[in-house]
């Protein structure tokens, strides 16, 4: 069962990257298959259409973003200095970790 979930996640990730690079309309199921080295039959076993793949990619992105927002909210809520935490978070997102 975990192999199926792993394969599905790889397909979603590959499709998402191609959608970002080429755009949804320009990305074909063949492109996705080629990027993963799988057959169309295998791809269609997991997803019946490109639209279904896009929906799965958006769902995965939503889950990731929700987790980040919740983690950030928790840090801010438990901080004695929320303004400093917000500024620090923003700085890390813009410039990366401190190089001290």
Protein backbone atom coordinates (compact mmCIF):
# COMPACT_ATOMS: atom_id res chain seq x y z
CA UNK A 1 0.00 0.00 0.00
CA UNK A 2 2.81 2.45 0.80
CA UNK A 3 4.33 1.86 -2.64
CA UNK A 4 1.06 2.97 -4.21
CA UNK A 5 0.97 6.11 -2.06
CA UNK A 6 4.63 6.81 -2.84
CA UNK A 7 4.06 6.41 -6.60
CA UNK A 8 0.98 8.63 -6.42
CA UNK A 9 2.94 11.32 -4.55
CA UNK A 10 5.72 11.20 -7.15
CA UNK A 11 3.19 11.61 -9.95
CA UNK A 12 1.57 14.58 -8.21
CA UNK A 13 4.95 16.24 -7.58
CA UNK A 14 6.10 15.74 -11.18
CA UNK A 15 2.82 17.05 -12.57
CA UNK A 16 2.92 20.07 -10.27
CA UNK A 17 6.45 20.96 -11.36
CA UNK A 18 5.50 20.65 -15.02
CA UNK A 19 2.36 22.72 -14.52
CA UNK A 20 4.52 25.46 -13.01
CA UNK A 21 7.18 25.24 -15.74
CA UNK A 22 5.01 24.83 -18.83
CA UNK A 23 1.56 25.85 -17.67
CA UNK A 24 -1.43 23.58 -17.22
CA UNK A 25 -2.64 23.78 -20.81
CA UNK A 26 0.79 23.11 -22.31
CA UNK A 27 1.56 20.15 -20.07
CA UNK A 28 0.44 16.81 -21.50
CA UNK A 29 -0.04 13.47 -19.84
CA UNK A 30 2.80 12.29 -22.10
CA UNK A 31 5.07 14.96 -20.58
CA UNK A 32 4.25 13.71 -17.10
CA UNK A 33 4.86 10.09 -18.09
CA UNK A 34 8.15 10.98 -19.75
CA UNK A 35 9.39 12.94 -16.75
CA UNK A 36 8.77 9.92 -14.52
CA UNK A 37 9.70 7.17 -16.95
CA UNK A 38 6.30 5.50 -16.63
CA UNK A 39 3.69 4.38 -19.13
CA UNK A 40 0.39 6.13 -19.76
CA UNK A 41 -1.33 3.01 -18.51
CA UNK A 42 0.40 3.41 -15.16
CA UNK A 43 -0.42 7.11 -14.98
CA UNK A 44 -4.09 6.53 -15.78
CA UNK A 45 -4.24 3.81 -13.14
CA UNK A 46 -3.68 6.60 -10.60
CA UNK A 47 -5.34 9.61 -12.26
CA UNK A 48 -8.08 9.53 -14.88
CA UNK A 49 -7.37 13.03 -16.21
CA UNK A 50 -5.02 15.97 -16.14
CA UNK A 51 -7.70 17.95 -14.29
CA UNK A 52 -7.81 15.30 -11.56
CA UNK A 53 -4.03 15.58 -11.27
CA UNK A 54 -4.26 19.36 -10.95
CA UNK A 55 -6.85 18.99 -8.19
CA UNK A 56 -4.58 16.54 -6.35
CA UNK A 57 -1.63 18.94 -6.71
CA UNK A 58 -3.71 21.81 -5.32
CA UNK A 59 -4.86 19.64 -2.42
CA UNK A 60 -1.26 18.73 -1.57
CA UNK A 61 -0.25 22.40 -1.77
CA UNK A 62 -3.19 23.38 0.46
CA UNK A 63 -2.12 20.82 3.08
CA UNK A 64 1.48 22.08 3.02
CA UNK A 65 0.46 25.73 3.26
CA UNK A 66 -2.00 25.03 6.08
CA UNK A 67 0.70 23.24 8.06
CA UNK A 68 3.10 26.17 7.61
CA UNK A 69 0.47 28.71 8.66
CA UNK A 70 -0.50 26.64 11.71
CA UNK A 71 3.14 26.24 12.74
CA UNK A 72 3.77 29.94 12.33
CA UNK A 73 0.59 30.81 14.23
CA UNK A 74 1.64 28.55 17.10
CA UNK A 75 5.10 30.16 17.27
CA UNK A 76 3.57 33.63 17.31
CA UNK A 77 0.87 32.70 19.82
CA UNK A 78 3.36 31.21 22.27
CA UNK A 79 5.95 33.94 21.88
CA UNK A 80 6.45 36.66 24.45
CA UNK A 81 7.50 38.92 21.58
CA UNK A 82 5.17 38.19 18.64
CA UNK A 83 6.26 41.22 16.60
CA UNK A 84 9.89 40.08 16.74
CA UNK A 85 8.84 36.55 15.76
CA UNK A 86 6.88 37.85 12.77
CA UNK A 87 9.81 40.00 11.63
CA UNK A 88 12.24 37.13 12.09
CA UNK A 89 9.98 34.76 10.14
CA UNK A 90 9.62 37.28 7.32
CA UNK A 91 13.38 37.84 7.22
CA UNK A 92 14.07 34.08 7.03
CA UNK A 93 11.55 33.66 4.20
CA UNK A 94 13.05 36.56 2.24
CA UNK A 95 16.75 36.08 2.91
CA UNK A 96 17.16 32.53 4.22
CA UNK A 97 18.61 31.48 7.57
CA UNK A 98 20.91 33.87 9.38
CA UNK A 99 24.50 33.67 8.24
CA UNK A 100 25.88 34.58 11.68
